[in-house]
Amino acid sequence: MSRTHPYQPVLLRILHGTIALLVIAALISGFWIYNTYDKRWGSLPLPTLADIQGIHGTIALIFLLFLPVFALYSFHIGYRRLVQGQSLRQLKEVGKPIWWISLQRLVNTLMLVAATFAVITGRMMKEEWLPAGQINHQWYLGHLAAWLIMLISLALHLLMGAKVGGIPLLTSMVSWRVQSNDIPTAWFQSLKFKHSTVILQILEVVVIGGIIAAFLLPALAS
């Protein structure tokens, strides 16, 4: 596969970089909470942080605020990086370049769905559960599952990026290089209002609907 130096749009780098940092921070702080109050599947000798739940909650809230923006970008501008109508057929061509590209699109899509699952389950948790030793609530167990799926998805996302585009693709996402025509007025020129495939329409409903639910469900539950 080509190892040329690709160029990533500035808007993508801003959104992707912000989401990436928030995901990593949420994964680390989420594990720290588990390591502090749960530990049933193993633990690490980490220091105890009294306000680790507050730290994780702040990161999660910022992530929730950025997620709909990133999701809308992904579905309406960066849709070519998500599952396509022909992706299932292309996944049968094992080992070929298109197979790796289709697998990368599948992983990208999985990350969006996993992030949605994570914000829903996280928002439905109560801060007092874990300090009280209540570690078997369904929402908490669901949030642990979401954490694990996000961790696996992130690892696969990096692995697929390295396989499809190599180090040049990975470094292009954090590059400071800006082309003269990559200005705010041109950022939305590739905006696509109507999806070309039903699968993207369904996925957008699931993801955006899930994010809206994450905002509303805690209020409704109370």
N, C-alpha and C. Protein backbone atom coordinates (compact mmCIF):
# COMPACT_ATOMS: atom_id res chain seq x y z
N MET A 1 0.83 -1.19 0.00
CA MET A 1 0.00 0.00 0.00
C MET A 1 0.87 1.26 0.00
N SER A 2 0.29 2.33 -0.45
CA SER A 2 1.04 3.57 -0.59
C SER A 2 1.49 4.10 0.75
N ARG A 3 2.70 4.60 0.79
CA ARG A 3 3.24 5.19 2.01
C ARG A 3 3.55 6.67 1.78
N THR A 4 2.86 7.29 0.80
CA THR A 4 3.02 8.71 0.56
C THR A 4 2.45 9.48 1.75
N HIS A 5 2.80 10.75 1.83
CA HIS A 5 2.34 11.56 2.95
C HIS A 5 0.98 12.17 2.63
N PRO A 6 -0.09 11.61 3.19
CA PRO A 6 -1.43 12.14 2.90
C PRO A 6 -1.66 13.46 3.63
N TYR A 7 -2.64 14.20 3.15
CA TYR A 7 -3.01 15.46 3.80
C TYR A 7 -4.40 15.31 4.40
N GLN A 8 -4.54 15.64 5.67
CA GLN A 8 -5.83 15.58 6.35
C GLN A 8 -6.37 17.00 6.53
N PRO A 9 -7.66 17.20 6.26
CA PRO A 9 -8.26 18.53 6.45
C PRO A 9 -8.08 19.04 7.88
N VAL A 10 -7.93 20.33 8.01
CA VAL A 10 -7.71 20.93 9.33
C VAL A 10 -8.88 20.64 10.28
N LEU A 11 -10.11 20.75 9.77
CA LEU A 11 -11.28 20.51 10.63
C LEU A 11 -11.27 19.08 11.17
N LEU A 12 -10.91 18.13 10.31
CA LEU A 12 -10.83 16.73 10.76
C LEU A 12 -9.77 16.59 11.83
N ARG A 13 -8.61 17.20 11.64
CA ARG A 13 -7.53 17.08 12.63
C ARG A 13 -7.93 17.69 13.97
N ILE A 14 -8.65 18.80 13.92
CA ILE A 14 -9.09 19.45 15.17
C ILE A 14 -10.07 18.56 15.92
N LEU A 15 -11.09 18.09 15.21
CA LEU A 15 -12.12 17.26 15.85
C LEU A 15 -11.55 15.91 16.27
N HIS A 16 -10.81 15.29 15.37
CA HIS A 16 -10.24 13.98 15.67
C HIS A 16 -9.26 14.05 16.83
N GLY A 17 -8.41 15.08 16.84
CA GLY A 17 -7.45 15.24 17.92
C GLY A 17 -8.12 15.48 19.26
N THR A 18 -9.16 16.31 19.27
CA THR A 18 -9.89 16.59 20.51
C THR A 18 -10.56 15.33 21.04
N ILE A 19 -11.26 14.62 20.15
CA ILE A 19 -11.95 13.39 20.56
C ILE A 19 -10.94 12.34 21.02
N ALA A 20 -9.81 12.23 20.32
CA ALA A 20 -8.79 11.24 20.69
C ALA A 20 -8.26 11.50 22.09
N LEU A 21 -7.94 12.75 22.39
CA LEU A 21 -7.43 13.08 23.72
C LEU A 21 -8.47 12.80 24.81
N LEU A 22 -9.73 13.13 24.51
CA LEU A 22 -10.79 12.90 25.49
C LEU A 22 -11.03 11.41 25.70
N VAL A 23 -10.98 10.63 24.62
CA VAL A 23 -11.17 9.18 24.74
C VAL A 23 -10.06 8.57 25.60
N ILE A 24 -8.82 8.95 25.32
CA ILE A 24 -7.69 8.42 26.09
C ILE A 24 -7.81 8.82 27.57
N ALA A 25 -8.15 10.09 27.81
CA ALA A 25 -8.30 10.56 29.19
C ALA A 25 -9.45 9.83 29.89
N ALA A 26 -10.54 9.59 29.16
CA ALA A 26 -11.69 8.89 29.75
C ALA A 26 -11.35 7.44 30.04
N LEU A 27 -10.60 6.80 29.15
CA LEU A 27 -10.20 5.40 29.37
C LEU A 27 -9.30 5.29 30.60
N ILE A 28 -8.33 6.20 30.72
CA ILE A 28 -7.40 6.16 31.85
C ILE A 28 -8.14 6.43 33.16
N SER A 29 -8.93 7.50 33.20
CA SER A 29 -9.63 7.84 34.43
C SER A 29 -10.70 6.81 34.76
N GLY A 30 -11.33 6.22 33.72
CA GLY A 30 -12.32 5.17 33.96
C GLY A 30 -11.69 3.94 34.58
N PHE A 31 -10.51 3.55 34.07
CA PHE A 31 -9.81 2.42 34.67
C PHE A 31 -9.40 2.75 36.10
N TRP A 32 -9.02 4.00 36.35
CA TRP A 32 -8.60 4.40 37.70
C TRP A 32 -9.76 4.24 38.68
N ILE A 33 -10.97 4.55 38.22
CA ILE A 33 -12.14 4.36 39.07
C ILE A 33 -12.34 2.89 39.38
N TYR A 34 -12.30 2.06 38.33
CA TYR A 34 -12.42 0.62 38.52
C TYR A 34 -11.34 0.11 39.47
N ASN A 35 -10.12 0.59 39.30
CA ASN A 35 -8.98 0.16 40.11
C ASN A 35 -9.13 0.59 41.56
N THR A 36 -9.89 1.65 41.79
CA THR A 36 -10.09 2.17 43.14
C THR A 36 -11.21 1.44 43.88
N TYR A 37 -12.32 1.17 43.19
CA TYR A 37 -13.51 0.68 43.87
C TYR A 37 -13.90 -0.77 43.54
N ASP A 38 -13.36 -1.34 42.46
CA ASP A 38 -13.85 -2.64 42.02
C ASP A 38 -12.75 -3.71 42.13
N LYS A 39 -11.87 -3.76 41.19
CA LYS A 39 -10.69 -4.64 41.19
C LYS A 39 -11.00 -6.13 41.02
N ARG A 40 -12.25 -6.50 40.71
CA ARG A 40 -12.58 -7.94 40.69
C ARG A 40 -11.88 -8.71 39.59
N TRP A 41 -11.47 -8.03 38.52
CA TRP A 41 -10.77 -8.70 37.42
C TRP A 41 -9.30 -8.31 37.35
N GLY A 42 -8.75 -7.91 38.48
CA GLY A 42 -7.36 -7.51 38.52
C GLY A 42 -7.21 -6.02 38.76
N SER A 43 -6.03 -5.60 39.15
CA SER A 43 -5.79 -4.19 39.46
C SER A 43 -4.32 -3.87 39.30
N LEU A 44 -4.02 -2.57 39.35
CA LEU A 44 -2.65 -2.07 39.29
C LEU A 44 -2.37 -1.27 40.56
N PRO A 45 -1.12 -1.16 40.97
CA PRO A 45 -0.78 -0.41 42.19
C PRO A 45 -0.78 1.11 41.94
N LEU A 46 -1.95 1.64 41.65
CA LEU A 46 -2.08 3.07 41.39
C LEU A 46 -2.41 3.81 42.68
N PRO A 47 -1.96 5.06 42.81
CA PRO A 47 -2.32 5.84 44.00
C PRO A 47 -3.81 6.15 44.02
N THR A 48 -4.35 6.33 45.18
CA THR A 48 -5.77 6.67 45.32
C THR A 48 -5.97 8.16 45.11
N LEU A 49 -6.88 8.48 44.20
CA LEU A 49 -7.25 9.87 43.96
C LEU A 49 -8.65 10.09 44.50
N ALA A 50 -8.78 10.96 45.48
CA ALA A 50 -10.05 11.14 46.16
C ALA A 50 -11.17 11.58 45.21
N ASP A 51 -10.83 12.39 44.23
CA ASP A 51 -11.86 12.94 43.34
C ASP A 51 -11.80 12.33 41.95
N ILE A 52 -11.39 11.07 41.86
CA ILE A 52 -11.23 10.45 40.54
C ILE A 52 -12.57 10.37 39.80
N GLN A 53 -13.67 10.17 40.53
CA GLN A 53 -14.97 10.15 39.87
C GLN A 53 -15.33 11.53 39.30
N GLY A 54 -14.98 12.56 40.03
CA GLY A 54 -15.24 13.91 39.53
C GLY A 54 -14.41 14.23 38.30
N ILE A 55 -13.15 13.80 38.33
CA ILE A 55 -12.26 14.01 37.17
C ILE A 55 -12.82 13.28 35.95
N HIS A 56 -13.18 12.01 36.14
CA HIS A 56 -13.73 11.23 35.03
C HIS A 56 -15.04 11.83 34.53
N GLY A 57 -15.87 12.28 35.47
CA GLY A 57 -17.15 12.88 35.08
C GLY A 57 -16.97 14.15 34.26
N THR A 58 -15.99 14.97 34.62
CA THR A 58 -15.72 16.20 33.87
C THR A 58 -15.25 15.87 32.45
N ILE A 59 -14.32 14.92 32.35
CA ILE A 59 -13.83 14.49 31.03
C ILE A 59 -14.99 13.94 30.20
N ALA A 60 -15.84 13.12 30.84
CA ALA A 60 -16.96 12.50 30.13
C ALA A 60 -17.96 13.55 29.65
N LEU A 61 -18.19 14.57 30.45
CA LEU A 61 -19.14 15.62 30.05
C LEU A 61 -18.61 16.40 28.84
N ILE A 62 -17.33 16.73 28.87
CA ILE A 62 -16.73 17.44 27.73
C ILE A 62 -16.80 16.55 26.48
N PHE A 63 -16.52 15.26 26.67
CA PHE A 63 -16.61 14.30 25.56
C PHE A 63 -18.02 14.26 25.01
N LEU A 64 -19.02 14.24 25.88
CA LEU A 64 -20.41 14.20 25.44
C LEU A 64 -20.77 15.45 24.64
N LEU A 65 -20.23 16.59 25.01
CA LEU A 65 -20.52 17.83 24.29
C LEU A 65 -19.87 17.86 22.91
N PHE A 66 -18.69 17.26 22.79
CA PHE A 66 -17.98 17.24 21.52
C PHE A 66 -18.46 16.11 20.60
N LEU A 67 -18.97 15.03 21.20
CA LEU A 67 -19.32 13.85 20.41
C LEU A 67 -20.34 14.12 19.31
N PRO A 68 -21.44 14.85 19.56
CA PRO A 68 -22.37 15.09 18.45
C PRO A 68 -21.76 15.86 17.28
N VAL A 69 -20.85 16.77 17.58
CA VAL A 69 -20.18 17.53 16.51
C VAL A 69 -19.32 16.59 15.68
N PHE A 70 -18.56 15.74 16.36
CA PHE A 70 -17.70 14.79 15.66
C PHE A 70 -18.54 13.77 14.88
N ALA A 71 -19.65 13.32 15.48
CA ALA A 71 -20.51 12.35 14.81
C ALA A 71 -21.12 12.94 13.54
N LEU A 72 -21.60 14.18 13.63
CA LEU A 72 -22.18 14.82 12.45
C LEU A 72 -21.12 15.02 11.36
N TYR A 73 -19.91 15.39 11.77
CA TYR A 73 -18.83 15.50 10.80
C TYR A 73 -18.57 14.15 10.14
N SER A 74 -18.52 13.11 10.95
CA SER A 74 -18.22 11.78 10.42
C SER A 74 -19.26 11.31 9.43
N PHE A 75 -20.53 11.56 9.71
CA PHE A 75 -21.61 11.08 8.85
C PHE A 75 -21.83 11.95 7.62
N HIS A 76 -21.49 13.24 7.69
CA HIS A 76 -21.84 14.13 6.60
C HIS A 76 -20.66 14.71 5.83
N ILE A 77 -19.45 14.58 6.37
CA ILE A 77 -18.26 15.02 5.64
C ILE A 77 -17.25 13.87 5.53
N GLY A 78 -17.03 13.18 6.64
CA GLY A 78 -16.06 12.08 6.63
C GLY A 78 -16.70 10.72 6.43
N TYR A 79 -17.86 10.69 5.77
CA TYR A 79 -18.61 9.43 5.62
C TYR A 79 -17.85 8.36 4.85
N ARG A 80 -16.90 8.75 4.02
CA ARG A 80 -16.13 7.74 3.27
C ARG A 80 -15.26 6.89 4.18
N ARG A 81 -15.03 7.36 5.41
CA ARG A 81 -14.22 6.59 6.36
C ARG A 81 -15.06 5.63 7.20
N LEU A 82 -16.40 5.61 6.95
CA LEU A 82 -17.29 4.73 7.67
C LEU A 82 -17.75 3.58 6.78
N VAL A 83 -18.48 2.65 7.37
CA VAL A 83 -18.99 1.49 6.63
C VAL A 83 -19.80 1.95 5.42
N GLN A 84 -19.57 1.31 4.29
CA GLN A 84 -20.27 1.63 3.05
C GLN A 84 -21.21 0.49 2.66
N GLY A 85 -22.04 0.74 1.67
CA GLY A 85 -22.99 -0.28 1.25
C GLY A 85 -22.33 -1.55 0.77
N GLN A 86 -21.14 -1.44 0.18
CA GLN A 86 -20.44 -2.59 -0.36
C GLN A 86 -19.42 -3.18 0.61
N SER A 87 -19.38 -2.68 1.84
CA SER A 87 -18.35 -3.09 2.79
C SER A 87 -18.42 -4.58 3.12
N LEU A 88 -19.63 -5.11 3.31
CA LEU A 88 -19.76 -6.52 3.65
C LEU A 88 -19.23 -7.41 2.54
N ARG A 89 -19.50 -7.03 1.30
CA ARG A 89 -18.99 -7.80 0.17
C ARG A 89 -17.48 -7.70 0.10
N GLN A 90 -16.94 -6.51 0.35
CA GLN A 90 -15.50 -6.32 0.28
C GLN A 90 -14.76 -7.05 1.41
N LEU A 91 -15.45 -7.30 2.52
CA LEU A 91 -14.82 -8.02 3.62
C LEU A 91 -14.58 -9.48 3.30
N LYS A 92 -15.17 -9.95 2.20
CA LYS A 92 -14.93 -11.33 1.77
C LYS A 92 -13.62 -11.47 1.01
N GLU A 93 -13.04 -10.34 0.59
CA GLU A 93 -11.79 -10.36 -0.19
C GLU A 93 -10.60 -10.28 0.77
N VAL A 94 -10.49 -11.31 1.58
CA VAL A 94 -9.51 -11.33 2.68
C VAL A 94 -8.08 -11.15 2.15
N GLY A 95 -7.35 -10.25 2.81
CA GLY A 95 -5.95 -10.04 2.48
C GLY A 95 -5.68 -9.01 1.41
N LYS A 96 -6.70 -8.66 0.64
CA LYS A 96 -6.52 -7.66 -0.41
C LYS A 96 -6.57 -6.26 0.20
N PRO A 97 -6.00 -5.26 -0.49
CA PRO A 97 -6.02 -3.89 0.05
C PRO A 97 -7.43 -3.41 0.41
N ILE A 98 -8.44 -3.73 -0.42
CA ILE A 98 -9.80 -3.26 -0.15
C ILE A 98 -10.35 -3.90 1.11
N TRP A 99 -9.85 -5.11 1.43
CA TRP A 99 -10.30 -5.77 2.66
C TRP A 99 -9.82 -4.99 3.88
N TRP A 100 -8.57 -4.55 3.85
CA TRP A 100 -8.05 -3.77 4.96
C TRP A 100 -8.75 -2.43 5.09
N ILE A 101 -9.03 -1.80 3.95
CA ILE A 101 -9.74 -0.51 3.98
C ILE A 101 -11.15 -0.68 4.54
N SER A 102 -11.84 -1.74 4.11
CA SER A 102 -13.19 -2.01 4.60
C SER A 102 -13.17 -2.33 6.08
N LEU A 103 -12.14 -3.05 6.53
CA LEU A 103 -12.00 -3.37 7.95
C LEU A 103 -11.75 -2.10 8.76
N GLN A 104 -10.96 -1.19 8.20
CA GLN A 104 -10.71 0.08 8.88
C GLN A 104 -12.01 0.88 9.01
N ARG A 105 -12.82 0.90 7.95
CA ARG A 105 -14.11 1.60 8.00
C ARG A 105 -15.03 0.97 9.05
N LEU A 106 -15.00 -0.34 9.15
CA LEU A 106 -15.82 -1.03 10.13
C LEU A 106 -15.38 -0.66 11.55
N VAL A 107 -14.07 -0.60 11.78
CA VAL A 107 -13.55 -0.23 13.10
C VAL A 107 -13.91 1.21 13.43
N ASN A 108 -13.79 2.12 12.46
CA ASN A 108 -14.16 3.52 12.68
C ASN A 108 -15.63 3.63 13.10
N THR A 109 -16.47 2.86 12.42
CA THR A 109 -17.90 2.87 12.73
C THR A 109 -18.16 2.30 14.11
N LEU A 110 -17.45 1.21 14.44
CA LEU A 110 -17.59 0.60 15.75
C LEU A 110 -17.23 1.58 16.86
N MET A 111 -16.22 2.41 16.63
CA MET A 111 -15.82 3.39 17.65
C MET A 111 -16.93 4.39 17.92
N LEU A 112 -17.64 4.83 16.87
CA LEU A 112 -18.74 5.77 17.06
C LEU A 112 -19.87 5.13 17.86
N VAL A 113 -20.20 3.89 17.53
CA VAL A 113 -21.27 3.20 18.23
C VAL A 113 -20.86 2.93 19.69
N ALA A 114 -19.61 2.50 19.89
CA ALA A 114 -19.12 2.24 21.24
C ALA A 114 -19.11 3.51 22.08
N ALA A 115 -18.73 4.62 21.47
CA ALA A 115 -18.72 5.90 22.20
C ALA A 115 -20.13 6.28 22.62
N THR A 116 -21.09 6.02 21.74
CA THR A 116 -22.49 6.31 22.07
C THR A 116 -22.96 5.45 23.23
N PHE A 117 -22.62 4.16 23.20
CA PHE A 117 -22.96 3.24 24.28
C PHE A 117 -22.31 3.70 25.59
N ALA A 118 -21.08 4.19 25.49
CA ALA A 118 -20.34 4.62 26.68
C ALA A 118 -21.00 5.84 27.33
N VAL A 119 -21.41 6.81 26.53
CA VAL A 119 -22.00 8.02 27.12
C VAL A 119 -23.38 7.72 27.71
N ILE A 120 -24.14 6.82 27.09
CA ILE A 120 -25.46 6.47 27.63
C ILE A 120 -25.30 5.78 28.98
N THR A 121 -24.47 4.73 29.03
CA THR A 121 -24.31 3.99 30.28
C THR A 121 -23.65 4.84 31.37
N GLY A 122 -22.71 5.68 30.96
CA GLY A 122 -22.05 6.54 31.94
C GLY A 122 -23.00 7.55 32.55
N ARG A 123 -23.87 8.11 31.73
CA ARG A 123 -24.81 9.12 32.22
C ARG A 123 -25.85 8.52 33.17
N MET A 124 -26.09 7.23 33.05
CA MET A 124 -27.11 6.60 33.88
C MET A 124 -26.55 6.08 35.21
N MET A 125 -25.26 6.22 35.40
CA MET A 125 -24.66 5.78 36.66
C MET A 125 -24.84 6.82 37.76
N LYS A 126 -24.82 6.37 39.01
CA LYS A 126 -24.88 7.25 40.17
C LYS A 126 -23.51 7.27 40.85
N GLU A 127 -23.06 8.46 41.21
CA GLU A 127 -21.72 8.61 41.77
C GLU A 127 -21.54 7.87 43.10
N GLU A 128 -22.65 7.68 43.82
CA GLU A 128 -22.53 7.05 45.13
C GLU A 128 -22.46 5.52 45.08
N TRP A 129 -22.72 4.92 43.94
CA TRP A 129 -22.75 3.46 43.85
C TRP A 129 -21.41 2.82 44.25
N LEU A 130 -20.35 3.23 43.58
CA LEU A 130 -19.06 2.54 43.77
C LEU A 130 -18.46 2.76 45.14
N PRO A 131 -18.43 3.98 45.69
CA PRO A 131 -17.90 4.13 47.05
C PRO A 131 -18.66 3.30 48.07
N ALA A 132 -19.94 3.00 47.77
CA ALA A 132 -20.75 2.20 48.69
C ALA A 132 -20.59 0.70 48.43
N GLY A 133 -19.74 0.34 47.48
CA GLY A 133 -19.52 -1.06 47.18
C GLY A 133 -20.57 -1.68 46.29
N GLN A 134 -21.43 -0.86 45.69
CA GLN A 134 -22.50 -1.37 44.82
C GLN A 134 -21.95 -1.48 43.39
N ILE A 135 -21.30 -2.60 43.12
CA ILE A 135 -20.58 -2.76 41.85
C ILE A 135 -21.28 -3.69 40.87
N ASN A 136 -22.52 -4.04 41.14
CA ASN A 136 -23.24 -4.96 40.25
C ASN A 136 -24.44 -4.32 39.56
N HIS A 137 -24.51 -3.00 39.59
CA HIS A 137 -25.59 -2.32 38.86
C HIS A 137 -25.42 -2.57 37.35
N GLN A 138 -26.53 -2.76 36.66
CA GLN A 138 -26.47 -3.04 35.23
C GLN A 138 -25.82 -1.90 34.44
N TRP A 139 -26.11 -0.67 34.83
CA TRP A 139 -25.53 0.47 34.10
C TRP A 139 -24.02 0.53 34.29
N TYR A 140 -23.55 0.18 35.48
CA TYR A 140 -22.10 0.16 35.72
C TYR A 140 -21.44 -0.96 34.92
N LEU A 141 -22.03 -2.14 34.94
CA LEU A 141 -21.48 -3.26 34.18
C LEU A 141 -21.51 -2.96 32.68
N GLY A 142 -22.58 -2.30 32.25
CA GLY A 142 -22.66 -1.89 30.84
C GLY A 142 -21.59 -0.88 30.50
N HIS A 143 -21.30 0.02 31.45
CA HIS A 143 -20.27 1.03 31.22
C HIS A 143 -18.88 0.39 31.17
N LEU A 144 -18.66 -0.63 32.00
CA LEU A 144 -17.40 -1.38 31.93
C LEU A 144 -17.24 -2.05 30.57
N ALA A 145 -18.35 -2.64 30.07
CA ALA A 145 -18.31 -3.26 28.74
C ALA A 145 -18.01 -2.23 27.67
N ALA A 146 -18.62 -1.04 27.80
CA ALA A 146 -18.37 0.04 26.84
C ALA A 146 -16.91 0.47 26.89
N TRP A 147 -16.34 0.55 28.10
CA TRP A 147 -14.93 0.91 28.28
C TRP A 147 -14.04 -0.10 27.55
N LEU A 148 -14.35 -1.41 27.71
CA LEU A 148 -13.54 -2.44 27.08
C LEU A 148 -13.66 -2.38 25.56
N ILE A 149 -14.87 -2.16 25.06
CA ILE A 149 -15.07 -2.06 23.60
C ILE A 149 -14.34 -0.85 23.05
N MET A 150 -14.37 0.26 23.77
CA MET A 150 -13.66 1.46 23.33
C MET A 150 -12.16 1.21 23.29
N LEU A 151 -11.64 0.52 24.31
CA LEU A 151 -10.20 0.24 24.36
C LEU A 151 -9.78 -0.63 23.18
N ILE A 152 -10.56 -1.69 22.92
CA ILE A 152 -10.26 -2.58 21.80
C ILE A 152 -10.40 -1.84 20.48
N SER A 153 -11.45 -1.02 20.37
CA SER A 153 -11.67 -0.25 19.14
C SER A 153 -10.54 0.72 18.88
N LEU A 154 -10.05 1.37 19.94
CA LEU A 154 -8.94 2.32 19.78
C LEU A 154 -7.68 1.60 19.31
N ALA A 155 -7.41 0.44 19.89
CA ALA A 155 -6.23 -0.33 19.48
C ALA A 155 -6.36 -0.76 18.02
N LEU A 156 -7.54 -1.23 17.62
CA LEU A 156 -7.77 -1.65 16.24
C LEU A 156 -7.72 -0.46 15.28
N HIS A 157 -8.21 0.68 15.75
CA HIS A 157 -8.19 1.91 14.94
C HIS A 157 -6.76 2.29 14.60
N LEU A 158 -5.87 2.24 15.59
CA LEU A 158 -4.46 2.55 15.36
C LEU A 158 -3.81 1.49 14.48
N LEU A 159 -4.15 0.23 14.73
CA LEU A 159 -3.58 -0.87 13.96
C LEU A 159 -4.00 -0.79 12.50
N MET A 160 -5.29 -0.53 12.25
CA MET A 160 -5.79 -0.43 10.88
C MET A 160 -5.20 0.79 10.18
N GLY A 161 -5.06 1.90 10.92
CA GLY A 161 -4.44 3.08 10.34
C GLY A 161 -3.02 2.82 9.91
N ALA A 162 -2.28 2.09 10.75
CA ALA A 162 -0.90 1.75 10.41
C ALA A 162 -0.84 0.80 9.23
N LYS A 163 -1.78 -0.14 9.16
CA LYS A 163 -1.78 -1.12 8.07
C LYS A 163 -2.17 -0.48 6.74
N VAL A 164 -3.18 0.37 6.76
CA VAL A 164 -3.69 0.98 5.52
C VAL A 164 -2.76 2.07 5.01
N GLY A 165 -2.31 2.93 5.91
CA GLY A 165 -1.52 4.07 5.46
C GLY A 165 -0.14 4.18 6.06
N GLY A 166 0.19 3.28 7.01
CA GLY A 166 1.50 3.31 7.63
C GLY A 166 1.70 4.51 8.54
N ILE A 167 2.91 4.71 8.95
CA ILE A 167 3.25 5.84 9.83
C ILE A 167 2.87 7.18 9.21
N PRO A 168 3.05 7.37 7.87
CA PRO A 168 2.64 8.65 7.28
C PRO A 168 1.18 9.00 7.54
N LEU A 169 0.28 8.00 7.49
CA LEU A 169 -1.14 8.27 7.76
C LEU A 169 -1.34 8.67 9.22
N LEU A 170 -0.70 7.96 10.14
CA LEU A 170 -0.86 8.26 11.55
C LEU A 170 -0.32 9.65 11.88
N THR A 171 0.85 9.98 11.34
CA THR A 171 1.43 11.30 11.63
C THR A 171 0.67 12.43 10.95
N SER A 172 -0.01 12.12 9.84
CA SER A 172 -0.77 13.16 9.14
C SER A 172 -1.92 13.68 9.99
N MET A 173 -2.38 12.85 10.94
CA MET A 173 -3.50 13.27 11.80
C MET A 173 -3.05 14.27 12.87
N VAL A 174 -1.75 14.36 13.11
CA VAL A 174 -1.25 15.31 14.11
C VAL A 174 -0.31 16.34 13.48
N SER A 175 -0.28 16.38 12.16
CA SER A 175 0.58 17.32 11.46
C SER A 175 0.06 18.74 11.59
N TRP A 176 0.98 19.71 11.58
CA TRP A 176 0.61 21.13 11.63
C TRP A 176 0.54 21.74 10.23
N ARG A 177 0.79 20.92 9.21
CA ARG A 177 0.81 21.43 7.85
C ARG A 177 -0.59 21.88 7.41
N VAL A 178 -0.68 23.05 6.79
CA VAL A 178 -1.96 23.58 6.34
C VAL A 178 -1.82 24.04 4.89
N GLN A 179 -2.69 23.55 4.05
CA GLN A 179 -2.69 23.99 2.66
C GLN A 179 -3.40 25.33 2.53
N SER A 180 -3.03 26.08 1.53
CA SER A 180 -3.56 27.43 1.38
C SER A 180 -5.08 27.45 1.17
N ASN A 181 -5.62 26.36 0.58
CA ASN A 181 -7.06 26.33 0.32
C ASN A 181 -7.86 25.70 1.46
N ASP A 182 -7.17 25.27 2.53
CA ASP A 182 -7.85 24.64 3.66
C ASP A 182 -8.17 25.71 4.70
N ILE A 183 -9.21 26.48 4.42
CA ILE A 183 -9.63 27.59 5.27
C ILE A 183 -11.07 27.36 5.73
N PRO A 184 -11.50 28.00 6.82
CA PRO A 184 -12.85 27.75 7.35
C PRO A 184 -13.96 27.84 6.32
N THR A 185 -13.88 28.76 5.37
CA THR A 185 -14.94 28.89 4.38
C THR A 185 -15.03 27.69 3.44
N ALA A 186 -13.97 26.87 3.40
CA ALA A 186 -13.96 25.70 2.52
C ALA A 186 -14.18 24.39 3.27
N TRP A 187 -14.31 24.46 4.59
CA TRP A 187 -14.38 23.24 5.38
C TRP A 187 -15.63 22.42 5.10
N PHE A 188 -16.71 23.06 4.70
CA PHE A 188 -17.97 22.33 4.54
C PHE A 188 -18.37 22.12 3.08
N GLN A 189 -17.40 22.27 2.18
CA GLN A 189 -17.71 22.10 0.76
C GLN A 189 -18.08 20.66 0.42
N SER A 190 -17.55 19.70 1.17
CA SER A 190 -17.86 18.30 0.90
C SER A 190 -19.03 17.78 1.73
N LEU A 191 -19.78 18.72 2.34
CA LEU A 191 -20.92 18.34 3.17
C LEU A 191 -21.95 17.58 2.35
N LYS A 192 -22.40 16.44 2.87
CA LYS A 192 -23.39 15.61 2.19
C LYS A 192 -24.61 15.49 3.10
N PHE A 193 -25.74 16.07 2.67
CA PHE A 193 -26.93 16.07 3.51
C PHE A 193 -27.66 14.73 3.45
N LYS A 194 -27.70 14.13 2.28
CA LYS A 194 -28.42 12.87 2.10
C LYS A 194 -27.43 11.74 1.90
N HIS A 195 -27.52 10.71 2.74
CA HIS A 195 -26.61 9.58 2.64
C HIS A 195 -26.90 8.77 1.39
N SER A 196 -25.83 8.22 0.83
CA SER A 196 -25.96 7.41 -0.37
C SER A 196 -26.38 5.98 -0.06
N THR A 197 -26.26 5.56 1.20
CA THR A 197 -26.62 4.20 1.57
C THR A 197 -27.54 4.20 2.79
N VAL A 198 -28.40 3.19 2.84
CA VAL A 198 -29.34 3.06 3.96
C VAL A 198 -28.60 2.78 5.25
N ILE A 199 -27.51 2.02 5.17
CA ILE A 199 -26.78 1.65 6.38
C ILE A 199 -26.24 2.86 7.12
N LEU A 200 -25.78 3.88 6.38
CA LEU A 200 -25.30 5.10 7.04
C LEU A 200 -26.46 5.88 7.66
N GLN A 201 -27.62 5.86 7.02
CA GLN A 201 -28.80 6.52 7.59
C GLN A 201 -29.18 5.87 8.91
N ILE A 202 -29.19 4.54 8.92
CA ILE A 202 -29.55 3.82 10.15
C ILE A 202 -28.53 4.08 11.25
N LEU A 203 -27.25 4.03 10.89
CA LEU A 203 -26.20 4.25 11.88
C LEU A 203 -26.26 5.65 12.45
N GLU A 204 -26.56 6.63 11.61
CA GLU A 204 -26.65 8.00 12.13
C GLU A 204 -27.82 8.14 13.10
N VAL A 205 -28.94 7.52 12.78
CA VAL A 205 -30.09 7.56 13.69
C VAL A 205 -29.72 6.93 15.03
N VAL A 206 -29.01 5.80 14.99
CA VAL A 206 -28.61 5.11 16.21
C VAL A 206 -27.66 5.98 17.04
N VAL A 207 -26.65 6.53 16.38
CA VAL A 207 -25.63 7.30 17.10
C VAL A 207 -26.18 8.63 17.60
N ILE A 208 -26.79 9.41 16.73
CA ILE A 208 -27.32 10.72 17.15
C ILE A 208 -28.47 10.53 18.13
N GLY A 209 -29.32 9.54 17.88
CA GLY A 209 -30.40 9.25 18.82
C GLY A 209 -29.86 8.84 20.17
N GLY A 210 -28.79 8.04 20.18
CA GLY A 210 -28.18 7.63 21.44
C GLY A 210 -27.57 8.80 22.19
N ILE A 211 -26.95 9.71 21.46
CA ILE A 211 -26.36 10.89 22.12
C ILE A 211 -27.45 11.76 22.73
N ILE A 212 -28.54 11.95 22.00
CA ILE A 212 -29.68 12.72 22.54
C ILE A 212 -30.22 12.03 23.79
N ALA A 213 -30.32 10.69 23.73
CA ALA A 213 -30.79 9.93 24.89
C ALA A 213 -29.86 10.13 26.08
N ALA A 214 -28.56 10.21 25.83
CA ALA A 214 -27.60 10.41 26.91
C ALA A 214 -27.83 11.74 27.62
N PHE A 215 -28.28 12.75 26.87
CA PHE A 215 -28.60 14.04 27.48
C PHE A 215 -29.90 13.97 28.27
N LEU A 216 -30.90 13.24 27.75
CA LEU A 216 -32.25 13.29 28.32
C LEU A 216 -32.54 12.24 29.38
N LEU A 217 -31.99 11.05 29.24
CA LEU A 217 -32.35 9.93 30.12
C LEU A 217 -32.10 10.21 31.60
N PRO A 218 -30.97 10.81 32.00
CA PRO A 218 -30.77 11.06 33.44
C PRO A 218 -31.89 11.92 34.05
N ALA A 219 -32.34 12.93 33.30
CA ALA A 219 -33.42 13.78 33.79
C ALA A 219 -34.73 13.02 33.88
N LEU A 220 -34.99 12.17 32.88
CA LEU A 220 -36.22 11.39 32.87
C LEU A 220 -36.20 10.33 33.98
N ALA A 221 -35.02 9.76 34.21
CA ALA A 221 -34.90 8.71 35.23
C ALA A 221 -35.11 9.25 36.64
N SER A 222 -34.74 10.52 36.83
CA SER A 222 -34.88 11.12 38.15
C SER A 222 -36.29 11.62 38.41
